[in-house]
Every structure is written in C-alpha cells, then in structure tokens.
Amino acid sequence: MGNEITLQTDPIDILMAEHEEGLKQLTELEDAALKIKKNGITKEELDRVTSAINFIDNEIRFHNEKEEKHLFPLVAKYVSGPTTVMENEHRILWDAFIKLKIIAKEIENLESENSKEMLVRTSLFIVELLSSHIYKENNILFPMAQNVLSKEEYEICRVGIAKATLKIE
C-alpha cells in the first residue's frame, strides 16, 4: 500500500495514504455491487468484487493491525473512547467481511439462490461502514493522536508503523 515509505515517514501520513488506497477499492466494490444490483451477476463484476475482497483481506487487515498495535494503545492512555469505537468498528467490518467472502464463494460455486441480493447488500454495508470509519480516523482520531501524544510516544508510533509497513519488525 505505501509508496515511498521510509523509517522517517510520519505514521499518520502512512495511515492516511493507506486510507486513500482503501477508498479507491471501496469505490470499485460499490460500483461493482451497484452494477450487479442493476444488471445481475457477471464474471467481470464478480471479478471486481473478488479483487476488492482480496485487497480488504490483505491490505486493510494489515492496516488495521498496525493501528491496533502501534497507534491505538498510545492514544488510549489519554482518551479511550475513540480507540474503542474504532476497534469495535474493525470487528464489525471483519464480521461483515467474512459474510461477504462466503457469499462470493457461493456465487462462484452456484450454490445459492439469494446470493446476489446478499452480495449487494453486504458489499454496500462494508463500503458505508469502512468509508465512515476512514473519515472518523482521518478527521478525529489522527488529529487527536497528533495533539495528545508526546514527542517520545509519537516517535514510538512512527517507528512501529514504519517498520510494520516496510515489514521489518
């Protein structure tokens, strides 16, 4: 996800860049779901959904793990409400995501009559939840982190997120 990441890169910049990539994938997922709703399931649209599923399963999961390991615990020392909300939304996302993966697999295997409607509904739920979640992190949690964390804590966060992003932990 991150281009031009170094150990010196600001952790919030890394996370926000990853959010931008995530929002692009959500746009693809939403567009595919709406086309499926209107025109039925096609291989092309199902491939777009599968691509978004793979991105979420890999990149978004890794992103959430970085936040929960390197940012949230530091911020929670000062104010726990926002990090608790974000962690709860991560859990809701993963519950819905598991459902979406199952539905997509059922469609691939031609196993379910109701899969189209469920695929559309679950995809759009994930798009709404994750878009809203990203907005809250970008506009509330991240600025809060920049304000409450000491220089030392911010440095700990920076190093942890940069190393995780570069996969050198």
N, C-alpha and C. Protein backbone atom coordinates (compact mmCIF):
# COMPACT_ATOMS: atom_id res chain seq x y z
N MET A 1 0.82 -1.19 0.00
CA MET A 1 0.00 0.00 0.00
C MET A 1 0.86 1.25 0.00
N GLY A 2 1.86 1.38 0.79
CA GLY A 2 2.55 2.66 0.88
C GLY A 2 3.64 2.81 -0.15
N ASN A 3 3.64 3.92 -0.88
CA ASN A 3 4.73 4.24 -1.80
C ASN A 3 5.69 5.16 -1.07
N GLU A 4 6.97 5.02 -1.34
CA GLU A 4 7.97 5.92 -0.79
C GLU A 4 7.98 5.94 0.73
N ILE A 5 7.71 4.82 1.36
CA ILE A 5 7.74 4.74 2.82
C ILE A 5 9.19 4.56 3.27
N THR A 6 9.58 5.33 4.25
CA THR A 6 10.89 5.15 4.88
C THR A 6 10.67 5.11 6.38
N LEU A 7 11.71 4.80 7.11
CA LEU A 7 11.61 4.81 8.57
C LEU A 7 11.38 6.22 9.10
N GLN A 8 11.60 7.23 8.29
CA GLN A 8 11.40 8.62 8.72
C GLN A 8 9.99 9.13 8.44
N THR A 9 9.17 8.36 7.71
CA THR A 9 7.85 8.82 7.31
C THR A 9 6.93 8.96 8.52
N ASP A 10 6.17 10.04 8.55
CA ASP A 10 5.21 10.28 9.62
C ASP A 10 4.16 9.15 9.64
N PRO A 11 3.85 8.62 10.82
CA PRO A 11 2.91 7.49 10.88
C PRO A 11 1.51 7.85 10.39
N ILE A 12 1.07 9.07 10.68
CA ILE A 12 -0.26 9.48 10.23
C ILE A 12 -0.28 9.60 8.71
N ASP A 13 0.80 10.07 8.11
CA ASP A 13 0.89 10.14 6.64
C ASP A 13 0.78 8.74 6.03
N ILE A 14 1.45 7.77 6.66
CA ILE A 14 1.38 6.39 6.17
C ILE A 14 -0.06 5.89 6.23
N LEU A 15 -0.68 6.05 7.39
CA LEU A 15 -2.04 5.54 7.58
C LEU A 15 -3.03 6.24 6.66
N MET A 16 -2.87 7.53 6.46
CA MET A 16 -3.79 8.26 5.58
C MET A 16 -3.59 7.86 4.11
N ALA A 17 -2.35 7.61 3.71
CA ALA A 17 -2.10 7.14 2.35
C ALA A 17 -2.76 5.77 2.14
N GLU A 18 -2.69 4.93 3.15
CA GLU A 18 -3.34 3.63 3.07
C GLU A 18 -4.86 3.80 2.99
N HIS A 19 -5.39 4.76 3.72
CA HIS A 19 -6.82 5.05 3.62
C HIS A 19 -7.21 5.44 2.21
N GLU A 20 -6.39 6.24 1.56
CA GLU A 20 -6.69 6.66 0.18
C GLU A 20 -6.79 5.44 -0.74
N GLU A 21 -5.86 4.52 -0.59
CA GLU A 21 -5.90 3.29 -1.38
C GLU A 21 -7.16 2.49 -1.06
N GLY A 22 -7.49 2.43 0.22
CA GLY A 22 -8.69 1.72 0.64
C GLY A 22 -9.95 2.34 0.05
N LEU A 23 -10.02 3.65 0.04
CA LEU A 23 -11.19 4.34 -0.53
C LEU A 23 -11.33 4.05 -2.03
N LYS A 24 -10.22 3.93 -2.73
CA LYS A 24 -10.28 3.58 -4.16
C LYS A 24 -10.88 2.19 -4.34
N GLN A 25 -10.47 1.26 -3.50
CA GLN A 25 -11.02 -0.09 -3.57
C GLN A 25 -12.50 -0.12 -3.19
N LEU A 26 -12.88 0.70 -2.23
CA LEU A 26 -14.29 0.77 -1.85
C LEU A 26 -15.15 1.32 -2.98
N THR A 27 -14.61 2.27 -3.73
CA THR A 27 -15.32 2.81 -4.90
C THR A 27 -15.54 1.70 -5.92
N GLU A 28 -14.52 0.87 -6.13
CA GLU A 28 -14.64 -0.26 -7.06
C GLU A 28 -15.69 -1.25 -6.57
N LEU A 29 -15.65 -1.56 -5.28
CA LEU A 29 -16.61 -2.50 -4.71
C LEU A 29 -18.03 -1.97 -4.83
N GLU A 30 -18.21 -0.70 -4.51
CA GLU A 30 -19.54 -0.09 -4.60
C GLU A 30 -20.05 -0.10 -6.03
N ASP A 31 -19.19 0.29 -6.97
CA ASP A 31 -19.59 0.33 -8.38
C ASP A 31 -19.97 -1.07 -8.86
N ALA A 32 -19.17 -2.07 -8.52
CA ALA A 32 -19.47 -3.44 -8.92
C ALA A 32 -20.79 -3.90 -8.31
N ALA A 33 -21.00 -3.61 -7.03
CA ALA A 33 -22.24 -4.03 -6.36
C ALA A 33 -23.46 -3.38 -7.00
N LEU A 34 -23.36 -2.12 -7.32
CA LEU A 34 -24.50 -1.42 -7.94
C LEU A 34 -24.77 -1.95 -9.35
N LYS A 35 -23.73 -2.30 -10.08
CA LYS A 35 -23.93 -2.90 -11.42
C LYS A 35 -24.55 -4.28 -11.30
N ILE A 36 -24.13 -5.04 -10.30
CA ILE A 36 -24.73 -6.37 -10.08
C ILE A 36 -26.20 -6.21 -9.71
N LYS A 37 -26.50 -5.24 -8.87
CA LYS A 37 -27.89 -4.99 -8.47
C LYS A 37 -28.75 -4.66 -9.68
N LYS A 38 -28.21 -3.86 -10.58
CA LYS A 38 -28.97 -3.41 -11.76
C LYS A 38 -29.02 -4.47 -12.86
N ASN A 39 -27.89 -5.11 -13.14
CA ASN A 39 -27.78 -5.96 -14.32
C ASN A 39 -27.62 -7.45 -14.03
N GLY A 40 -27.49 -7.80 -12.77
CA GLY A 40 -27.24 -9.19 -12.43
C GLY A 40 -25.74 -9.47 -12.35
N ILE A 41 -25.43 -10.67 -11.94
CA ILE A 41 -24.03 -11.05 -11.73
C ILE A 41 -23.39 -11.37 -13.07
N THR A 42 -22.25 -10.73 -13.31
CA THR A 42 -21.44 -11.06 -14.48
C THR A 42 -20.05 -11.44 -13.98
N LYS A 43 -19.30 -12.12 -14.80
CA LYS A 43 -17.94 -12.50 -14.42
C LYS A 43 -17.11 -11.26 -14.14
N GLU A 44 -17.25 -10.24 -14.98
CA GLU A 44 -16.46 -9.01 -14.81
C GLU A 44 -16.73 -8.36 -13.46
N GLU A 45 -17.99 -8.22 -13.09
CA GLU A 45 -18.32 -7.57 -11.82
C GLU A 45 -17.97 -8.45 -10.63
N LEU A 46 -18.15 -9.75 -10.78
CA LEU A 46 -17.75 -10.65 -9.70
C LEU A 46 -16.23 -10.62 -9.51
N ASP A 47 -15.49 -10.49 -10.61
CA ASP A 47 -14.03 -10.35 -10.51
C ASP A 47 -13.64 -9.07 -9.77
N ARG A 48 -14.38 -7.98 -10.01
CA ARG A 48 -14.11 -6.72 -9.30
C ARG A 48 -14.39 -6.88 -7.81
N VAL A 49 -15.47 -7.56 -7.48
CA VAL A 49 -15.79 -7.81 -6.07
C VAL A 49 -14.69 -8.66 -5.45
N THR A 50 -14.27 -9.70 -6.14
CA THR A 50 -13.21 -10.57 -5.64
C THR A 50 -11.91 -9.80 -5.45
N SER A 51 -11.60 -8.92 -6.37
CA SER A 51 -10.39 -8.10 -6.23
C SER A 51 -10.46 -7.22 -4.98
N ALA A 52 -11.62 -6.62 -4.75
CA ALA A 52 -11.81 -5.79 -3.55
C ALA A 52 -11.72 -6.66 -2.29
N ILE A 53 -12.29 -7.85 -2.35
CA ILE A 53 -12.21 -8.77 -1.21
C ILE A 53 -10.75 -9.08 -0.90
N ASN A 54 -9.97 -9.37 -1.93
CA ASN A 54 -8.55 -9.68 -1.71
C ASN A 54 -7.80 -8.49 -1.12
N PHE A 55 -8.10 -7.29 -1.60
CA PHE A 55 -7.46 -6.09 -1.08
C PHE A 55 -7.81 -5.90 0.40
N ILE A 56 -9.08 -6.02 0.72
CA ILE A 56 -9.53 -5.85 2.10
C ILE A 56 -8.89 -6.93 2.98
N ASP A 57 -8.89 -8.16 2.50
CA ASP A 57 -8.37 -9.27 3.30
C ASP A 57 -6.89 -9.11 3.59
N ASN A 58 -6.15 -8.53 2.67
CA ASN A 58 -4.71 -8.37 2.85
C ASN A 58 -4.34 -6.99 3.36
N GLU A 59 -4.59 -5.98 2.57
CA GLU A 59 -4.11 -4.63 2.89
C GLU A 59 -4.86 -3.97 4.04
N ILE A 60 -6.18 -4.05 4.02
CA ILE A 60 -6.95 -3.41 5.10
C ILE A 60 -6.73 -4.16 6.42
N ARG A 61 -6.66 -5.47 6.36
CA ARG A 61 -6.40 -6.25 7.58
C ARG A 61 -5.05 -5.84 8.17
N PHE A 62 -4.02 -5.76 7.34
CA PHE A 62 -2.68 -5.37 7.79
C PHE A 62 -2.70 -3.94 8.35
N HIS A 63 -3.41 -3.05 7.68
CA HIS A 63 -3.55 -1.66 8.13
C HIS A 63 -4.19 -1.62 9.52
N ASN A 64 -5.28 -2.35 9.70
CA ASN A 64 -5.97 -2.36 11.00
C ASN A 64 -5.06 -2.91 12.09
N GLU A 65 -4.30 -3.93 11.77
CA GLU A 65 -3.37 -4.50 12.76
C GLU A 65 -2.33 -3.46 13.17
N LYS A 66 -1.82 -2.69 12.22
CA LYS A 66 -0.84 -1.65 12.55
C LYS A 66 -1.46 -0.61 13.48
N GLU A 67 -2.68 -0.18 13.17
CA GLU A 67 -3.34 0.80 14.03
C GLU A 67 -3.52 0.26 15.44
N GLU A 68 -4.02 -0.98 15.54
CA GLU A 68 -4.32 -1.56 16.84
C GLU A 68 -3.06 -1.86 17.65
N LYS A 69 -1.96 -2.13 16.98
CA LYS A 69 -0.73 -2.45 17.69
C LYS A 69 0.09 -1.20 18.01
N HIS A 70 0.17 -0.25 17.09
CA HIS A 70 1.12 0.85 17.23
C HIS A 70 0.51 2.22 17.55
N LEU A 71 -0.75 2.44 17.24
CA LEU A 71 -1.36 3.76 17.48
C LEU A 71 -2.38 3.73 18.61
N PHE A 72 -3.34 2.86 18.52
CA PHE A 72 -4.44 2.87 19.48
C PHE A 72 -4.00 2.78 20.93
N PRO A 73 -3.08 1.88 21.28
CA PRO A 73 -2.69 1.79 22.70
C PRO A 73 -2.09 3.09 23.23
N LEU A 74 -1.35 3.79 22.38
CA LEU A 74 -0.75 5.06 22.82
C LEU A 74 -1.82 6.13 23.04
N VAL A 75 -2.75 6.23 22.11
CA VAL A 75 -3.83 7.23 22.23
C VAL A 75 -4.74 6.88 23.41
N ALA A 76 -4.99 5.58 23.61
CA ALA A 76 -5.91 5.15 24.67
C ALA A 76 -5.41 5.51 26.06
N LYS A 77 -4.12 5.80 26.21
CA LYS A 77 -3.60 6.24 27.51
C LYS A 77 -4.22 7.58 27.89
N TYR A 78 -4.63 8.36 26.91
CA TYR A 78 -5.17 9.70 27.14
C TYR A 78 -6.68 9.75 27.01
N VAL A 79 -7.20 9.04 26.02
CA VAL A 79 -8.64 9.04 25.78
C VAL A 79 -9.00 7.71 25.11
N SER A 80 -9.82 6.91 25.77
CA SER A 80 -10.07 5.56 25.27
C SER A 80 -11.29 5.45 24.37
N GLY A 81 -12.23 6.36 24.49
CA GLY A 81 -13.47 6.26 23.71
C GLY A 81 -13.26 6.11 22.21
N PRO A 82 -12.52 7.02 21.58
CA PRO A 82 -12.36 6.91 20.12
C PRO A 82 -11.66 5.62 19.68
N THR A 83 -10.65 5.18 20.42
CA THR A 83 -9.97 3.95 20.01
C THR A 83 -10.86 2.73 20.22
N THR A 84 -11.67 2.76 21.26
CA THR A 84 -12.61 1.66 21.49
C THR A 84 -13.63 1.59 20.36
N VAL A 85 -14.14 2.74 19.94
CA VAL A 85 -15.09 2.79 18.82
C VAL A 85 -14.42 2.25 17.55
N MET A 86 -13.20 2.67 17.28
CA MET A 86 -12.50 2.22 16.07
C MET A 86 -12.26 0.71 16.11
N GLU A 87 -11.84 0.19 17.26
CA GLU A 87 -11.63 -1.26 17.37
C GLU A 87 -12.94 -2.02 17.19
N ASN A 88 -14.03 -1.50 17.75
CA ASN A 88 -15.34 -2.14 17.58
C ASN A 88 -15.74 -2.14 16.11
N GLU A 89 -15.49 -1.03 15.43
CA GLU A 89 -15.82 -0.98 14.00
C GLU A 89 -14.95 -1.95 13.20
N HIS A 90 -13.70 -2.13 13.61
CA HIS A 90 -12.86 -3.14 12.95
C HIS A 90 -13.53 -4.51 13.08
N ARG A 91 -14.02 -4.86 14.27
CA ARG A 91 -14.66 -6.16 14.48
C ARG A 91 -15.92 -6.30 13.62
N ILE A 92 -16.74 -5.25 13.58
CA ILE A 92 -17.95 -5.29 12.75
C ILE A 92 -17.57 -5.48 11.29
N LEU A 93 -16.54 -4.76 10.85
CA LEU A 93 -16.07 -4.89 9.47
C LEU A 93 -15.68 -6.34 9.18
N TRP A 94 -14.90 -6.96 10.08
CA TRP A 94 -14.43 -8.32 9.80
C TRP A 94 -15.56 -9.33 9.85
N ASP A 95 -16.56 -9.10 10.68
CA ASP A 95 -17.73 -9.99 10.68
C ASP A 95 -18.46 -9.90 9.34
N ALA A 96 -18.67 -8.68 8.86
CA ALA A 96 -19.34 -8.49 7.56
C ALA A 96 -18.47 -9.02 6.42
N PHE A 97 -17.18 -8.84 6.55
CA PHE A 97 -16.26 -9.28 5.51
C PHE A 97 -16.29 -10.81 5.37
N ILE A 98 -16.30 -11.52 6.48
CA ILE A 98 -16.39 -12.98 6.43
C ILE A 98 -17.65 -13.39 5.69
N LYS A 99 -18.74 -12.72 5.98
CA LYS A 99 -20.01 -12.99 5.31
C LYS A 99 -19.88 -12.75 3.80
N LEU A 100 -19.24 -11.64 3.42
CA LEU A 100 -19.07 -11.32 2.00
C LEU A 100 -18.23 -12.38 1.30
N LYS A 101 -17.16 -12.85 1.94
CA LYS A 101 -16.33 -13.89 1.34
C LYS A 101 -17.13 -15.17 1.11
N ILE A 102 -17.96 -15.53 2.07
CA ILE A 102 -18.79 -16.73 1.94
C ILE A 102 -19.77 -16.57 0.79
N ILE A 103 -20.41 -15.42 0.72
CA ILE A 103 -21.40 -15.17 -0.35
C ILE A 103 -20.72 -15.23 -1.72
N ALA A 104 -19.58 -14.58 -1.85
CA ALA A 104 -18.86 -14.58 -3.13
C ALA A 104 -18.49 -16.00 -3.53
N LYS A 105 -18.07 -16.81 -2.58
CA LYS A 105 -17.71 -18.20 -2.87
C LYS A 105 -18.95 -18.99 -3.29
N GLU A 106 -20.08 -18.74 -2.63
CA GLU A 106 -21.33 -19.42 -3.01
C GLU A 106 -21.71 -19.07 -4.44
N ILE A 107 -21.53 -17.81 -4.81
CA ILE A 107 -21.85 -17.39 -6.18
C ILE A 107 -20.92 -18.09 -7.17
N GLU A 108 -19.63 -18.11 -6.86
CA GLU A 108 -18.68 -18.79 -7.74
C GLU A 108 -19.06 -20.25 -7.93
N ASN A 109 -19.54 -20.88 -6.88
CA ASN A 109 -19.90 -22.30 -6.92
C ASN A 109 -21.36 -22.54 -7.27
N LEU A 110 -22.08 -21.47 -7.61
CA LEU A 110 -23.50 -21.54 -8.00
C LEU A 110 -24.34 -22.27 -6.95
N GLU A 111 -24.10 -21.94 -5.66
CA GLU A 111 -24.74 -22.68 -4.57
C GLU A 111 -25.95 -21.99 -3.94
N SER A 112 -26.24 -20.76 -4.29
CA SER A 112 -27.29 -20.06 -3.55
C SER A 112 -28.18 -19.24 -4.46
N GLU A 113 -29.47 -19.30 -4.18
CA GLU A 113 -30.45 -18.52 -4.94
C GLU A 113 -30.45 -17.05 -4.51
N ASN A 114 -30.21 -16.77 -3.24
CA ASN A 114 -30.32 -15.42 -2.69
C ASN A 114 -28.98 -14.68 -2.65
N SER A 115 -27.96 -15.25 -3.23
CA SER A 115 -26.62 -14.69 -3.09
C SER A 115 -26.47 -13.31 -3.72
N LYS A 116 -27.14 -13.06 -4.84
CA LYS A 116 -26.99 -11.75 -5.49
C LYS A 116 -27.41 -10.63 -4.56
N GLU A 117 -28.58 -10.74 -3.99
CA GLU A 117 -29.08 -9.70 -3.08
C GLU A 117 -28.18 -9.56 -1.85
N MET A 118 -27.75 -10.68 -1.32
CA MET A 118 -26.88 -10.65 -0.14
C MET A 118 -25.51 -10.06 -0.49
N LEU A 119 -25.00 -10.39 -1.67
CA LEU A 119 -23.72 -9.83 -2.11
C LEU A 119 -23.80 -8.32 -2.22
N VAL A 120 -24.85 -7.83 -2.83
CA VAL A 120 -25.03 -6.39 -3.00
C VAL A 120 -25.18 -5.72 -1.64
N ARG A 121 -26.05 -6.25 -0.81
CA ARG A 121 -26.32 -5.65 0.50
C ARG A 121 -25.07 -5.64 1.39
N THR A 122 -24.37 -6.76 1.43
CA THR A 122 -23.17 -6.85 2.27
C THR A 122 -22.05 -5.96 1.74
N SER A 123 -21.88 -5.94 0.42
CA SER A 123 -20.86 -5.07 -0.18
C SER A 123 -21.13 -3.61 0.16
N LEU A 124 -22.37 -3.18 -0.02
CA LEU A 124 -22.71 -1.77 0.25
C LEU A 124 -22.60 -1.45 1.74
N PHE A 125 -22.91 -2.41 2.60
CA PHE A 125 -22.73 -2.21 4.04
C PHE A 125 -21.25 -1.98 4.36
N ILE A 126 -20.38 -2.81 3.79
CA ILE A 126 -18.94 -2.67 4.03
C ILE A 126 -18.43 -1.34 3.49
N VAL A 127 -18.90 -0.95 2.32
CA VAL A 127 -18.48 0.34 1.74
C VAL A 127 -18.87 1.47 2.68
N GLU A 128 -20.10 1.47 3.16
CA GLU A 128 -20.57 2.55 4.05
C GLU A 128 -19.81 2.54 5.37
N LEU A 129 -19.68 1.37 5.98
CA LEU A 129 -19.01 1.27 7.27
C LEU A 129 -17.55 1.71 7.16
N LEU A 130 -16.84 1.19 6.18
CA LEU A 130 -15.41 1.47 6.08
C LEU A 130 -15.16 2.91 5.64
N SER A 131 -15.99 3.45 4.76
CA SER A 131 -15.84 4.86 4.36
C SER A 131 -16.03 5.78 5.56
N SER A 132 -17.07 5.52 6.34
CA SER A 132 -17.34 6.31 7.54
C SER A 132 -16.21 6.15 8.55
N HIS A 133 -15.73 4.94 8.70
CA HIS A 133 -14.63 4.64 9.62
C HIS A 133 -13.38 5.42 9.23
N ILE A 134 -13.04 5.40 7.96
CA ILE A 134 -11.86 6.13 7.48
C ILE A 134 -12.02 7.62 7.73
N TYR A 135 -13.21 8.14 7.47
CA TYR A 135 -13.47 9.57 7.72
C TYR A 135 -13.21 9.91 9.19
N LYS A 136 -13.73 9.07 10.09
CA LYS A 136 -13.56 9.33 11.53
C LYS A 136 -12.09 9.27 11.94
N GLU A 137 -11.37 8.30 11.40
CA GLU A 137 -9.95 8.22 11.75
C GLU A 137 -9.19 9.43 11.20
N ASN A 138 -9.42 9.75 9.94
CA ASN A 138 -8.70 10.87 9.32
C ASN A 138 -9.00 12.20 10.00
N ASN A 139 -10.25 12.41 10.39
CA ASN A 139 -10.68 13.73 10.85
C ASN A 139 -10.82 13.88 12.36
N ILE A 140 -10.84 12.78 13.08
CA ILE A 140 -10.99 12.85 14.54
C ILE A 140 -9.81 12.17 15.24
N LEU A 141 -9.63 10.87 14.98
CA LEU A 141 -8.62 10.11 15.73
C LEU A 141 -7.20 10.55 15.41
N PHE A 142 -6.87 10.69 14.14
CA PHE A 142 -5.49 11.04 13.79
C PHE A 142 -5.10 12.43 14.29
N PRO A 143 -5.94 13.45 14.08
CA PRO A 143 -5.57 14.75 14.66
C PRO A 143 -5.46 14.70 16.18
N MET A 144 -6.33 13.91 16.82
CA MET A 144 -6.27 13.75 18.27
C MET A 144 -4.93 13.14 18.67
N ALA A 145 -4.51 12.11 17.94
CA ALA A 145 -3.23 11.46 18.24
C ALA A 145 -2.09 12.46 18.13
N GLN A 146 -2.12 13.27 17.09
CA GLN A 146 -1.07 14.27 16.90
C GLN A 146 -1.05 15.28 18.04
N ASN A 147 -2.19 15.54 18.64
CA ASN A 147 -2.28 16.51 19.73
C ASN A 147 -1.95 15.94 21.11
N VAL A 148 -2.31 14.68 21.36
CA VAL A 148 -2.15 14.16 22.72
C VAL A 148 -0.84 13.41 22.95
N LEU A 149 -0.28 12.83 21.91
CA LEU A 149 0.93 12.03 22.11
C LEU A 149 2.14 12.93 22.33
N SER A 150 2.98 12.51 23.28
CA SER A 150 4.23 13.22 23.50
C SER A 150 5.16 12.97 22.30
N LYS A 151 6.23 13.73 22.21
CA LYS A 151 7.20 13.52 21.12
C LYS A 151 7.74 12.09 21.17
N GLU A 152 8.00 11.59 22.36
CA GLU A 152 8.53 10.25 22.52
C GLU A 152 7.52 9.20 22.07
N GLU A 153 6.28 9.37 22.47
CA GLU A 153 5.24 8.43 22.07
C GLU A 153 5.01 8.47 20.56
N TYR A 154 5.02 9.67 20.00
CA TYR A 154 4.83 9.80 18.55
C TYR A 154 5.98 9.11 17.82
N GLU A 155 7.17 9.21 18.36
CA GLU A 155 8.34 8.54 17.78
C GLU A 155 8.18 7.02 17.85
N ILE A 156 7.70 6.52 18.96
CA ILE A 156 7.44 5.09 19.11
C ILE A 156 6.42 4.65 18.06
N CYS A 157 5.37 5.41 17.90
CA CYS A 157 4.34 5.13 16.91
C CYS A 157 4.93 5.16 15.50
N ARG A 158 5.73 6.18 15.22
CA ARG A 158 6.33 6.35 13.89
C ARG A 158 7.20 5.15 13.54
N VAL A 159 8.07 4.77 14.45
CA VAL A 159 8.98 3.65 14.19
C VAL A 159 8.19 2.35 14.02
N GLY A 160 7.21 2.12 14.90
CA GLY A 160 6.42 0.89 14.82
C GLY A 160 5.66 0.77 13.52
N ILE A 161 4.99 1.84 13.13
CA ILE A 161 4.20 1.80 11.90
C ILE A 161 5.11 1.73 10.67
N ALA A 162 6.20 2.48 10.66
CA ALA A 162 7.12 2.43 9.52
C ALA A 162 7.73 1.04 9.37
N LYS A 163 8.19 0.45 10.47
CA LYS A 163 8.77 -0.89 10.41
C LYS A 163 7.73 -1.92 9.96
N ALA A 164 6.53 -1.81 10.48
CA ALA A 164 5.47 -2.75 10.08
C ALA A 164 5.17 -2.58 8.59
N THR A 165 5.09 -1.34 8.13
CA THR A 165 4.79 -1.07 6.73
C THR A 165 5.88 -1.64 5.82
N LEU A 166 7.12 -1.48 6.27
CA LEU A 166 8.26 -1.99 5.49
C LEU A 166 8.49 -3.48 5.74
N LYS A 167 7.67 -4.04 6.67
CA LYS A 167 7.75 -5.47 7.04
C LYS A 167 9.14 -5.84 7.55
N ILE A 168 9.68 -4.99 8.46
CA ILE A 168 10.99 -5.27 9.04
C ILE A 168 10.91 -5.37 10.57
N GLU A 169 9.73 -5.67 11.09
CA GLU A 169 9.57 -5.80 12.55
C GLU A 169 10.30 -7.02 13.04
